[in-house]
Amino acid sequence: MDKQTKIELEAAAFRQLQTHLMQNRKDVQNIDLMNLAGFCRNCLSRWYQEAAQAHGITMSKDAARESFYGMSMAQWRAQHQTETSPTQKQSFDKAFAENVSPASKP
């Protein structure tokens, strides 16, 4: 497979993941994604921001999230986010430390 085709297939897979999370599974909370998989929608938007910056494109965290979510975080929260339980929060703190904190980066 040539490099350009590989890039296009990876981009298509990313778009499908984004569509799945944003349209098909709005019911799945970010905290549950993080607790189970070690990443969530916010991580994906951060990775998008980091990729933009690697290409010399200045992008704020809010702009990256709006690009990924298709709306502002305030709108997403109001429409789809539910209250977090103490158990979810405790699991999130552990998952965040293991997967997102500076200590978890190679």
PDB file of N, CA and C in Angstrom:
ATOM      1  N   MET A   1       0.862  -1.177   0.000  1.00  0.00           N
ATOM      2  CA  MET A   1       0.000   0.000   0.000  1.00  0.00           C
ATOM      3  C   MET A   1       0.905   1.235   0.000  1.00  0.00           C
ATOM      4  N   ASP A   2       0.558   2.198  -0.829  1.00  0.00           N
ATOM      5  CA  ASP A   2       1.368   3.409  -0.866  1.00  0.00           C
ATOM      6  C   ASP A   2       1.018   4.321   0.314  1.00  0.00           C
ATOM      7  N   LYS A   3       1.932   5.258   0.590  1.00  0.00           N
ATOM      8  CA  LYS A   3       1.821   6.122   1.772  1.00  0.00           C
ATOM      9  C   LYS A   3       0.540   6.964   1.741  1.00  0.00           C
ATOM     10  N   GLN A   4       0.192   7.542   0.599  1.00  0.00           N
ATOM     11  CA  GLN A   4      -0.995   8.394   0.512  1.00  0.00           C
ATOM     12  C   GLN A   4      -2.277   7.603   0.772  1.00  0.00           C
ATOM     13  N   THR A   5      -2.359   6.402   0.238  1.00  0.00           N
ATOM     14  CA  THR A   5      -3.542   5.558   0.478  1.00  0.00           C
ATOM     15  C   THR A   5      -3.647   5.216   1.963  1.00  0.00           C
ATOM     16  N   LYS A   6      -2.521   4.900   2.583  1.00  0.00           N
ATOM     17  CA  LYS A   6      -2.517   4.603   4.022  1.00  0.00           C
ATOM     18  C   LYS A   6      -3.025   5.803   4.817  1.00  0.00           C
ATOM     19  N   ILE A   7      -2.563   6.994   4.488  1.00  0.00           N
ATOM     20  CA  ILE A   7      -3.015   8.220   5.163  1.00  0.00           C
ATOM     21  C   ILE A   7      -4.521   8.404   4.984  1.00  0.00           C
ATOM     22  N   GLU A   8      -5.001   8.184   3.769  1.00  0.00           N
ATOM     23  CA  GLU A   8      -6.436   8.349   3.496  1.00  0.00           C
ATOM     24  C   GLU A   8      -7.279   7.327   4.253  1.00  0.00           C
ATOM     25  N   LEU A   9      -6.803   6.100   4.356  1.00  0.00           N
ATOM     26  CA  LEU A   9      -7.544   5.080   5.106  1.00  0.00           C
ATOM     27  C   LEU A   9      -7.557   5.399   6.598  1.00  0.00           C
ATOM     28  N   GLU A  10      -6.413   5.849   7.122  1.00  0.00           N
ATOM     29  CA  GLU A  10      -6.360   6.231   8.532  1.00  0.00           C
ATOM     30  C   GLU A  10      -7.286   7.416   8.810  1.00  0.00           C
ATOM     31  N   ALA A  11      -7.312   8.376   7.911  1.00  0.00           N
ATOM     32  CA  ALA A  11      -8.197   9.532   8.078  1.00  0.00           C
ATOM     33  C   ALA A  11      -9.666   9.099   8.035  1.00  0.00           C
ATOM     34  N   ALA A  12      -9.985   8.169   7.145  1.00  0.00           N
ATOM     35  CA  ALA A  12     -11.363   7.671   7.057  1.00  0.00           C
ATOM     36  C   ALA A  12     -11.759   6.940   8.338  1.00  0.00           C
ATOM     37  N   ALA A  13     -10.832   6.157   8.892  1.00  0.00           N
ATOM     38  CA  ALA A  13     -11.116   5.451  10.145  1.00  0.00           C
ATOM     39  C   ALA A  13     -11.325   6.445  11.280  1.00  0.00           C
ATOM     40  N   PHE A  14     -10.506   7.492  11.330  1.00  0.00           N
ATOM     41  CA  PHE A  14     -10.673   8.530  12.349  1.00  0.00           C
ATOM     42  C   PHE A  14     -12.042   9.202  12.209  1.00  0.00           C
ATOM     43  N   ARG A  15     -12.413   9.550  10.982  1.00  0.00           N
ATOM     44  CA  ARG A  15     -13.722  10.195  10.778  1.00  0.00           C
ATOM     45  C   ARG A  15     -14.862   9.281  11.202  1.00  0.00           C
ATOM     46  N   GLN A  16     -14.720   7.973  10.952  1.00  0.00           N
ATOM     47  CA  GLN A  16     -15.759   7.033  11.368  1.00  0.00           C
ATOM     48  C   GLN A  16     -15.836   6.941  12.888  1.00  0.00           C
ATOM     49  N   LEU A  17     -14.694   6.935  13.557  1.00  0.00           N
ATOM     50  CA  LEU A  17     -14.678   6.931  15.022  1.00  0.00           C
ATOM     51  C   LEU A  17     -15.345   8.200  15.549  1.00  0.00           C
ATOM     52  N   GLN A  18     -15.008   9.325  14.960  1.00  0.00           N
ATOM     53  CA  GLN A  18     -15.609  10.597  15.373  1.00  0.00           C
ATOM     54  C   GLN A  18     -17.124  10.567  15.178  1.00  0.00           C
ATOM     55  N   THR A  19     -17.582  10.111  14.038  1.00  0.00           N
ATOM     56  CA  THR A  19     -19.021  10.014  13.769  1.00  0.00           C
ATOM     57  C   THR A  19     -19.693   9.070  14.764  1.00  0.00           C
ATOM     58  N   HIS A  20     -19.058   7.948  15.021  1.00  0.00           N
ATOM     59  CA  HIS A  20     -19.632   6.981  15.954  1.00  0.00           C
ATOM     60  C   HIS A  20     -19.805   7.587  17.346  1.00  0.00           C
ATOM     61  N   LEU A  21     -18.766   8.274  17.831  1.00  0.00           N
ATOM     62  CA  LEU A  21     -18.829   8.861  19.172  1.00  0.00           C
ATOM     63  C   LEU A  21     -19.754  10.075  19.242  1.00  0.00           C
ATOM     64  N   MET A  22     -19.816  10.858  18.186  1.00  0.00           N
ATOM     65  CA  MET A  22     -20.558  12.112  18.223  1.00  0.00           C
ATOM     66  C   MET A  22     -22.017  11.966  17.787  1.00  0.00           C
ATOM     67  N   GLN A  23     -22.318  10.975  16.964  1.00  0.00           N
ATOM     68  CA  GLN A  23     -23.682  10.833  16.472  1.00  0.00           C
ATOM     69  C   GLN A  23     -24.357   9.553  16.944  1.00  0.00           C
ATOM     70  N   ASN A  24     -23.630   8.445  16.878  1.00  0.00           N
ATOM     71  CA  ASN A  24     -24.249   7.159  17.196  1.00  0.00           C
ATOM     72  C   ASN A  24     -24.254   6.829  18.681  1.00  0.00           C
ATOM     73  N   ARG A  25     -23.267   7.328  19.434  1.00  0.00           N
ATOM     74  CA  ARG A  25     -23.151   6.980  20.847  1.00  0.00           C
ATOM     75  C   ARG A  25     -22.999   8.211  21.731  1.00  0.00           C
ATOM     76  N   LYS A  26     -23.889   9.162  21.544  1.00  0.00           N
ATOM     77  CA  LYS A  26     -23.903  10.351  22.394  1.00  0.00           C
ATOM     78  C   LYS A  26     -24.159   9.975  23.848  1.00  0.00           C
ATOM     79  N   ASP A  27     -24.767   8.802  24.049  1.00  0.00           N
ATOM     80  CA  ASP A  27     -25.109   8.353  25.392  1.00  0.00           C
ATOM     81  C   ASP A  27     -23.881   7.931  26.199  1.00  0.00           C
ATOM     82  N   VAL A  28     -22.797   7.596  25.537  1.00  0.00           N
ATOM     83  CA  VAL A  28     -21.589   7.172  26.233  1.00  0.00           C
ATOM     84  C   VAL A  28     -20.860   8.408  26.745  1.00  0.00           C
ATOM     85  N   GLN A  29     -20.673   8.469  28.034  1.00  0.00           N
ATOM     86  CA  GLN A  29     -20.046   9.624  28.665  1.00  0.00           C
ATOM     87  C   GLN A  29     -18.527   9.570  28.502  1.00  0.00           C
ATOM     88  N   ASN A  30     -17.919  10.743  28.394  1.00  0.00           N
ATOM     89  CA  ASN A  30     -16.463  10.815  28.301  1.00  0.00           C
ATOM     90  C   ASN A  30     -15.792  10.115  29.478  1.00  0.00           C
ATOM     91  N   ILE A  31     -16.338  10.301  30.655  1.00  0.00           N
ATOM     92  CA  ILE A  31     -15.728   9.699  31.837  1.00  0.00           C
ATOM     93  C   ILE A  31     -15.740   8.180  31.736  1.00  0.00           C
ATOM     94  N   ASP A  32     -16.784   7.614  31.163  1.00  0.00           N
ATOM     95  CA  ASP A  32     -16.849   6.164  30.998  1.00  0.00           C
ATOM     96  C   ASP A  32     -15.848   5.688  29.951  1.00  0.00           C
ATOM     97  N   LEU A  33     -15.694   6.459  28.873  1.00  0.00           N
ATOM     98  CA  LEU A  33     -14.675   6.135  27.874  1.00  0.00           C
ATOM     99  C   LEU A  33     -13.287   6.145  28.504  1.00  0.00           C
ATOM    100  N   MET A  34     -12.984   7.179  29.259  1.00  0.00           N
ATOM    101  CA  MET A  34     -11.679   7.303  29.890  1.00  0.00           C
ATOM    102  C   MET A  34     -11.451   6.163  30.873  1.00  0.00           C
ATOM    103  N   ASN A  35     -12.448   5.861  31.665  1.00  0.00           N
ATOM    104  CA  ASN A  35     -12.300   4.813  32.668  1.00  0.00           C
ATOM    105  C   ASN A  35     -12.094   3.441  32.034  1.00  0.00           C
ATOM    106  N   LEU A  36     -12.733   3.202  30.911  1.00  0.00           N
ATOM    107  CA  LEU A  36     -12.641   1.898  30.256  1.00  0.00           C
ATOM    108  C   LEU A  36     -11.457   1.809  29.295  1.00  0.00           C
ATOM    109  N   ALA A  37     -11.280   2.839  28.467  1.00  0.00           N
ATOM    110  CA  ALA A  37     -10.304   2.753  27.375  1.00  0.00           C
ATOM    111  C   ALA A  37      -9.051   3.607  27.580  1.00  0.00           C
ATOM    112  N   GLY A  38      -9.086   4.514  28.529  1.00  0.00           N
ATOM    113  CA  GLY A  38      -7.930   5.365  28.756  1.00  0.00           C
ATOM    114  C   GLY A  38      -7.860   6.569  27.829  1.00  0.00           C
ATOM    115  N   PHE A  39      -8.928   6.828  27.088  1.00  0.00           N
ATOM    116  CA  PHE A  39      -9.034   8.030  26.268  1.00  0.00           C
ATOM    117  C   PHE A  39     -10.507   8.367  26.096  1.00  0.00           C
ATOM    118  N   CYS A  40     -10.778   9.618  25.703  1.00  0.00           N
ATOM    119  CA  CYS A  40     -12.155  10.043  25.495  1.00  0.00           C
ATOM    120  C   CYS A  40     -12.207  11.044  24.346  1.00  0.00           C
ATOM    121  N   ARG A  41     -13.355  11.639  24.136  1.00  0.00           N
ATOM    122  CA  ARG A  41     -13.506  12.638  23.075  1.00  0.00           C
ATOM    123  C   ARG A  41     -12.537  13.803  23.261  1.00  0.00           C
ATOM    124  N   ASN A  42     -12.330  14.219  24.510  1.00  0.00           N
ATOM    125  CA  ASN A  42     -11.406  15.324  24.767  1.00  0.00           C
ATOM    126  C   ASN A  42      -9.978  14.936  24.390  1.00  0.00           C
ATOM    127  N   CYS A  43      -9.605  13.693  24.633  1.00  0.00           N
ATOM    128  CA  CYS A  43      -8.275  13.226  24.226  1.00  0.00           C
ATOM    129  C   CYS A  43      -8.145  13.292  22.712  1.00  0.00           C
ATOM    130  N   LEU A  44      -9.166  12.825  22.005  1.00  0.00           N
ATOM    131  CA  LEU A  44      -9.122  12.867  20.545  1.00  0.00           C
ATOM    132  C   LEU A  44      -9.001  14.297  20.038  1.00  0.00           C
ATOM    133  N   SER A  45      -9.705  15.225  20.665  1.00  0.00           N
ATOM    134  CA  SER A  45      -9.588  16.625  20.231  1.00  0.00           C
ATOM    135  C   SER A  45      -8.209  17.180  20.574  1.00  0.00           C
ATOM    136  N   ARG A  46      -7.623  16.747  21.691  1.00  0.00           N
ATOM    137  CA  ARG A  46      -6.267  17.180  22.051  1.00  0.00           C
ATOM    138  C   ARG A  46      -5.252  16.625  21.055  1.00  0.00           C
ATOM    139  N   TRP A  47      -5.416  15.374  20.650  1.00  0.00           N
ATOM    140  CA  TRP A  47      -4.508  14.789  19.667  1.00  0.00           C
ATOM    141  C   TRP A  47      -4.633  15.520  18.331  1.00  0.00           C
ATOM    142  N   TYR A  48      -5.840  15.929  18.005  1.00  0.00           N
ATOM    143  CA  TYR A  48      -6.075  16.723  16.786  1.00  0.00           C
ATOM    144  C   TYR A  48      -5.329  18.053  16.893  1.00  0.00           C
ATOM    145  N   GLN A  49      -5.438  18.709  18.042  1.00  0.00           N
ATOM    146  CA  GLN A  49      -4.738  19.972  18.287  1.00  0.00           C
ATOM    147  C   GLN A  49      -3.230  19.781  18.185  1.00  0.00           C
ATOM    148  N   GLU A  50      -2.719  18.731  18.790  1.00  0.00           N
ATOM    149  CA  GLU A  50      -1.281  18.456  18.751  1.00  0.00           C
ATOM    150  C   GLU A  50      -0.808  18.192  17.317  1.00  0.00           C
ATOM    151  N   ALA A  51      -1.610  17.485  16.519  1.00  0.00           N
ATOM    152  CA  ALA A  51      -1.264  17.232  15.120  1.00  0.00           C
ATOM    153  C   ALA A  51      -1.242  18.541  14.328  1.00  0.00           C
ATOM    154  N   ALA A  52      -2.211  19.404  14.598  1.00  0.00           N
ATOM    155  CA  ALA A  52      -2.237  20.708  13.926  1.00  0.00           C
ATOM    156  C   ALA A  52      -0.975  21.496  14.271  1.00  0.00           C
ATOM    157  N   GLN A  53      -0.638  21.521  15.541  1.00  0.00           N
ATOM    158  CA  GLN A  53       0.543  22.260  15.971  1.00  0.00           C
ATOM    159  C   GLN A  53       1.819  21.680  15.367  1.00  0.00           C
ATOM    160  N   ALA A  54       1.878  20.366  15.197  1.00  0.00           N
ATOM    161  CA  ALA A  54       3.037  19.730  14.571  1.00  0.00           C
ATOM    162  C   ALA A  54       3.189  20.153  13.112  1.00  0.00           C
ATOM    163  N   HIS A  55       2.082  20.596  12.526  1.00  0.00           N
ATOM    164  CA  HIS A  55       2.097  21.090  11.146  1.00  0.00           C
ATOM    165  C   HIS A  55       2.165  22.610  11.087  1.00  0.00           C
ATOM    166  N   GLY A  56       2.480  23.246  12.218  1.00  0.00           N
ATOM    167  CA  GLY A  56       2.636  24.693  12.241  1.00  0.00           C
ATOM    168  C   GLY A  56       1.334  25.471  12.274  1.00  0.00           C
ATOM    169  N   ILE A  57       0.245  24.790  12.620  1.00  0.00           N
ATOM    170  CA  ILE A  57      -1.073  25.430  12.687  1.00  0.00           C
ATOM    171  C   ILE A  57      -1.389  25.727  14.145  1.00  0.00           C
ATOM    172  N   THR A  58      -1.578  26.987  14.471  1.00  0.00           N
ATOM    173  CA  THR A  58      -1.928  27.371  15.829  1.00  0.00           C
ATOM    174  C   THR A  58      -3.396  27.061  16.053  1.00  0.00           C
ATOM    175  N   MET A  59      -3.682  26.305  17.119  1.00  0.00           N
ATOM    176  CA  MET A  59      -5.060  25.924  17.426  1.00  0.00           C
ATOM    177  C   MET A  59      -5.211  25.856  18.934  1.00  0.00           C
ATOM    178  N   SER A  60      -6.193  26.551  19.469  1.00  0.00           N
ATOM    179  CA  SER A  60      -6.452  26.500  20.905  1.00  0.00           C
ATOM    180  C   SER A  60      -7.168  25.203  21.266  1.00  0.00           C
ATOM    181  N   LYS A  61      -7.152  24.883  22.552  1.00  0.00           N
ATOM    182  CA  LYS A  61      -7.866  23.708  23.041  1.00  0.00           C
ATOM    183  C   LYS A  61      -9.355  23.826  22.719  1.00  0.00           C
ATOM    184  N   ASP A  62      -9.920  25.015  22.926  1.00  0.00           N
ATOM    185  CA  ASP A  62     -11.344  25.211  22.639  1.00  0.00           C
ATOM    186  C   ASP A  62     -11.650  25.045  21.155  1.00  0.00           C
ATOM    187  N   ALA A  63     -10.776  25.562  20.299  1.00  0.00           N
ATOM    188  CA  ALA A  63     -10.983  25.427  18.846  1.00  0.00           C
ATOM    189  C   ALA A  63     -10.893  23.961  18.424  1.00  0.00           C
ATOM    190  N   ALA A  64      -9.948  23.231  19.001  1.00  0.00           N
ATOM    191  CA  ALA A  64      -9.807  21.813  18.676  1.00  0.00           C
ATOM    192  C   ALA A  64     -11.043  21.035  19.131  1.00  0.00           C
ATOM    193  N   ARG A  65     -11.513  21.342  20.323  1.00  0.00           N
ATOM    194  CA  ARG A  65     -12.715  20.655  20.813  1.00  0.00           C
ATOM    195  C   ARG A  65     -13.927  20.992  19.954  1.00  0.00           C
ATOM    196  N   GLU A  66     -14.073  22.240  19.591  1.00  0.00           N
ATOM    197  CA  GLU A  66     -15.207  22.618  18.759  1.00  0.00           C
ATOM    198  C   GLU A  66     -15.134  21.938  17.391  1.00  0.00           C
ATOM    199  N   SER A  67     -13.932  21.805  16.860  1.00  0.00           N
ATOM    200  CA  SER A  67     -13.762  21.116  15.590  1.00  0.00           C
ATOM    201  C   SER A  67     -14.153  19.650  15.725  1.00  0.00           C
ATOM    202  N   PHE A  68     -13.731  19.000  16.811  1.00  0.00           N
ATOM    203  CA  PHE A  68     -14.052  17.587  16.994  1.00  0.00           C
ATOM    204  C   PHE A  68     -15.521  17.377  17.339  1.00  0.00           C
ATOM    205  N   TYR A  69     -16.021  18.167  18.280  1.00  0.00           N
ATOM    206  CA  TYR A  69     -17.398  18.001  18.753  1.00  0.00           C
ATOM    207  C   TYR A  69     -18.437  18.541  17.776  1.00  0.00           C
ATOM    208  N   GLY A  70     -18.036  19.485  16.929  1.00  0.00           N
ATOM    209  CA  GLY A  70     -18.999  20.111  16.029  1.00  0.00           C
ATOM    210  C   GLY A  70     -19.854  21.145  16.747  1.00  0.00           C
ATOM    211  N   MET A  71     -19.450  21.494  17.947  1.00  0.00           N
ATOM    212  CA  MET A  71     -20.143  22.491  18.767  1.00  0.00           C
ATOM    213  C   MET A  71     -19.219  22.841  19.922  1.00  0.00           C
ATOM    214  N   SER A  72     -19.581  23.848  20.674  1.00  0.00           N
ATOM    215  CA  SER A  72     -18.758  24.204  21.833  1.00  0.00           C
ATOM    216  C   SER A  72     -18.915  23.150  22.926  1.00  0.00           C
ATOM    217  N   MET A  73     -17.943  23.103  23.816  1.00  0.00           N
ATOM    218  CA  MET A  73     -18.033  22.174  24.950  1.00  0.00           C
ATOM    219  C   MET A  73     -19.247  22.494  25.816  1.00  0.00           C
ATOM    220  N   ALA A  74     -19.554  23.774  25.966  1.00  0.00           N
ATOM    221  CA  ALA A  74     -20.725  24.159  26.765  1.00  0.00           C
ATOM    222  C   ALA A  74     -22.003  23.576  26.160  1.00  0.00           C
ATOM    223  N   GLN A  75     -22.109  23.627  24.838  1.00  0.00           N
ATOM    224  CA  GLN A  75     -23.287  23.061  24.177  1.00  0.00           C
ATOM    225  C   GLN A  75     -23.329  21.543  24.358  1.00  0.00           C
ATOM    226  N   TRP A  76     -22.192  20.880  24.167  1.00  0.00           N
ATOM    227  CA  TRP A  76     -22.139  19.420  24.324  1.00  0.00           C
ATOM    228  C   TRP A  76     -22.550  19.030  25.732  1.00  0.00           C
ATOM    229  N   ARG A  77     -21.975  19.700  26.723  1.00  0.00           N
ATOM    230  CA  ARG A  77     -22.301  19.380  28.120  1.00  0.00           C
ATOM    231  C   ARG A  77     -23.793  19.550  28.392  1.00  0.00           C
ATOM    232  N   ALA A  78     -24.344  20.656  27.938  1.00  0.00           N
ATOM    233  CA  ALA A  78     -25.766  20.928  28.178  1.00  0.00           C
ATOM    234  C   ALA A  78     -26.661  19.885  27.524  1.00  0.00           C
ATOM    235  N   GLN A  79     -26.258  19.418  26.355  1.00  0.00           N
ATOM    236  CA  GLN A  79     -27.113  18.490  25.607  1.00  0.00           C
ATOM    237  C   GLN A  79     -26.899  17.017  25.950  1.00  0.00           C
ATOM    238  N   HIS A  80     -25.668  16.648  26.374  1.00  0.00           N
ATOM    239  CA  HIS A  80     -25.362  15.220  26.458  1.00  0.00           C
ATOM    240  C   HIS A  80     -24.706  14.745  27.752  1.00  0.00           C
ATOM    241  N   GLN A  81     -24.106  15.621  28.512  1.00  0.00           N
ATOM    242  CA  GLN A  81     -23.351  15.175  29.683  1.00  0.00           C
ATOM    243  C   GLN A  81     -24.268  14.972  30.876  1.00  0.00           C
ATOM    244  N   THR A  82     -24.035  13.892  31.604  1.00  0.00           N
ATOM    245  CA  THR A  82     -24.813  13.589  32.800  1.00  0.00           C
ATOM    246  C   THR A  82     -23.956  13.818  34.036  1.00  0.00           C
ATOM    247  N   GLU A  83     -24.577  13.777  35.175  1.00  0.00           N
ATOM    248  CA  GLU A  83     -23.871  13.962  36.451  1.00  0.00           C
ATOM    249  C   GLU A  83     -22.915  12.800  36.688  1.00  0.00           C
ATOM    250  N   THR A  84     -21.757  13.098  37.219  1.00  0.00           N
ATOM    251  CA  THR A  84     -20.736  12.087  37.494  1.00  0.00           C
ATOM    252  C   THR A  84     -20.913  11.538  38.895  1.00  0.00           C
ATOM    253  N   SER A  85     -20.865  10.212  39.008  1.00  0.00           N
ATOM    254  CA  SER A  85     -20.969   9.585  40.328  1.00  0.00           C
ATOM    255  C   SER A  85     -19.600   9.613  41.009  1.00  0.00           C
ATOM    256  N   PRO A  86     -19.582   9.493  42.333  1.00  0.00           N
ATOM    257  CA  PRO A  86     -18.298   9.437  43.041  1.00  0.00           C
ATOM    258  C   PRO A  86     -17.415   8.278  42.563  1.00  0.00           C
ATOM    259  N   THR A  87     -18.015   7.137  42.245  1.00  0.00           N
ATOM    260  CA  THR A  87     -17.252   5.985  41.755  1.00  0.00           C
ATOM    261  C   THR A  87     -16.627   6.285  40.398  1.00  0.00           C
ATOM    262  N   GLN A  88     -17.400   6.919  39.507  1.00  0.00           N
ATOM    263  CA  GLN A  88     -16.864   7.305  38.201  1.00  0.00           C
ATOM    264  C   GLN A  88     -15.700   8.274  38.368  1.00  0.00           C
ATOM    265  N   LYS A  89     -15.859   9.235  39.260  1.00  0.00           N
ATOM    266  CA  LYS A  89     -14.828  10.244  39.487  1.00  0.00           C
ATOM    267  C   LYS A  89     -13.552   9.601  40.018  1.00  0.00           C
ATOM    268  N   GLN A  90     -13.683   8.684  40.950  1.00  0.00           N
ATOM    269  CA  GLN A  90     -12.517   8.002  41.505  1.00  0.00           C
ATOM    270  C   GLN A  90     -11.798   7.200  40.421  1.00  0.00           C
ATOM    271  N   SER A  91     -12.552   6.475  39.603  1.00  0.00           N
ATOM    272  CA  SER A  91     -11.960   5.700  38.508  1.00  0.00           C
ATOM    273  C   SER A  91     -11.300   6.620  37.485  1.00  0.00           C
ATOM    274  N   PHE A  92     -11.943   7.779  37.229  1.00  0.00           N
ATOM    275  CA  PHE A  92     -11.392   8.743  36.279  1.00  0.00           C
ATOM    276  C   PHE A  92     -10.050   9.285  36.759  1.00  0.00           C
ATOM    277  N   ASP A  93      -9.958   9.633  38.023  1.00  0.00           N
ATOM    278  CA  ASP A  93      -8.711  10.171  38.553  1.00  0.00           C
ATOM    279  C   ASP A  93      -7.556   9.198  38.306  1.00  0.00           C
ATOM    280  N   LYS A  94      -7.817   7.914  38.510  1.00  0.00           N
ATOM    281  CA  LYS A  94      -6.797   6.886  38.275  1.00  0.00           C
ATOM    282  C   LYS A  94      -6.487   6.779  36.784  1.00  0.00           C
ATOM    283  N   ALA A  95      -7.514   6.699  35.939  1.00  0.00           N
ATOM    284  CA  ALA A  95      -7.307   6.569  34.492  1.00  0.00           C
ATOM    285  C   ALA A  95      -6.587   7.789  33.926  1.00  0.00           C
ATOM    286  N   PHE A  96      -6.949   8.970  34.399  1.00  0.00           N
ATOM    287  CA  PHE A  96      -6.314  10.203  33.923  1.00  0.00           C
ATOM    288  C   PHE A  96      -4.828  10.199  34.277  1.00  0.00           C
ATOM    289  N   ALA A  97      -4.522   9.835  35.507  1.00  0.00           N
ATOM    290  CA  ALA A  97      -3.122   9.812  35.943  1.00  0.00           C
ATOM    291  C   ALA A  97      -2.322   8.802  35.123  1.00  0.00           C
ATOM    292  N   GLU A  98      -2.937   7.683  34.773  1.00  0.00           N
ATOM    293  CA  GLU A  98      -2.227   6.651  34.031  1.00  0.00           C
ATOM    294  C   GLU A  98      -2.090   6.968  32.542  1.00  0.00           C
ATOM    295  N   ASN A  99      -3.043   7.713  31.986  1.00  0.00           N
ATOM    296  CA  ASN A  99      -3.100   7.889  30.534  1.00  0.00           C
ATOM    297  C   ASN A  99      -2.862   9.287  30.021  1.00  0.00           C
ATOM    298  N   VAL A 100      -3.016  10.317  30.864  1.00  0.00           N
ATOM    299  CA  VAL A 100      -2.946  11.686  30.376  1.00  0.00           C
ATOM    300  C   VAL A 100      -1.913  12.533  31.089  1.00  0.00           C
ATOM    301  N   SER A 101      -1.673  12.248  32.325  1.00  0.00           N
ATOM    302  CA  SER A 101      -0.748  13.092  33.091  1.00  0.00           C
ATOM    303  C   SER A 101       0.648  13.051  32.489  1.00  0.00           C
ATOM    304  N   PRO A 102       1.450  14.094  32.728  1.00  0.00           N
ATOM    305  CA  PRO A 102       2.823  14.119  32.191  1.00  0.00           C
ATOM    306  C   PRO A 102       3.646  12.887  32.551  1.00  0.00           C
ATOM    307  N   ALA A 103       3.396  12.312  33.710  1.00  0.00           N
ATOM    308  CA  ALA A 103       4.154  11.136  34.128  1.00  0.00           C
ATOM    309  C   ALA A 103       3.872   9.922  33.238  1.00  0.00           C
ATOM    310  N   SER A 104       2.710   9.910  32.559  1.00  0.00           N
ATOM    311  CA  SER A 104       2.366   8.761  31.720  1.00  0.00           C
ATOM    312  C   SER A 104       2.957   8.865  30.329  1.00  0.00           C
ATOM    313  N   LYS A 105       3.478  10.027  29.969  1.00  0.00           N
ATOM    314  CA  LYS A 105       4.024  10.214  28.628  1.00  0.00           C
ATOM    315  C   LYS A 105       5.435   9.638  28.559  1.00  0.00           C
ATOM    316  N   PRO A 106       5.756   8.987  27.427  1.00  0.00           N
ATOM    317  CA  PRO A 106       7.089   8.365  27.295  1.00  0.00           C
ATOM    318  C   PRO A 106       8.201   9.380  27.299  1.00  0.00           C
TER     319      PRO A 106
END
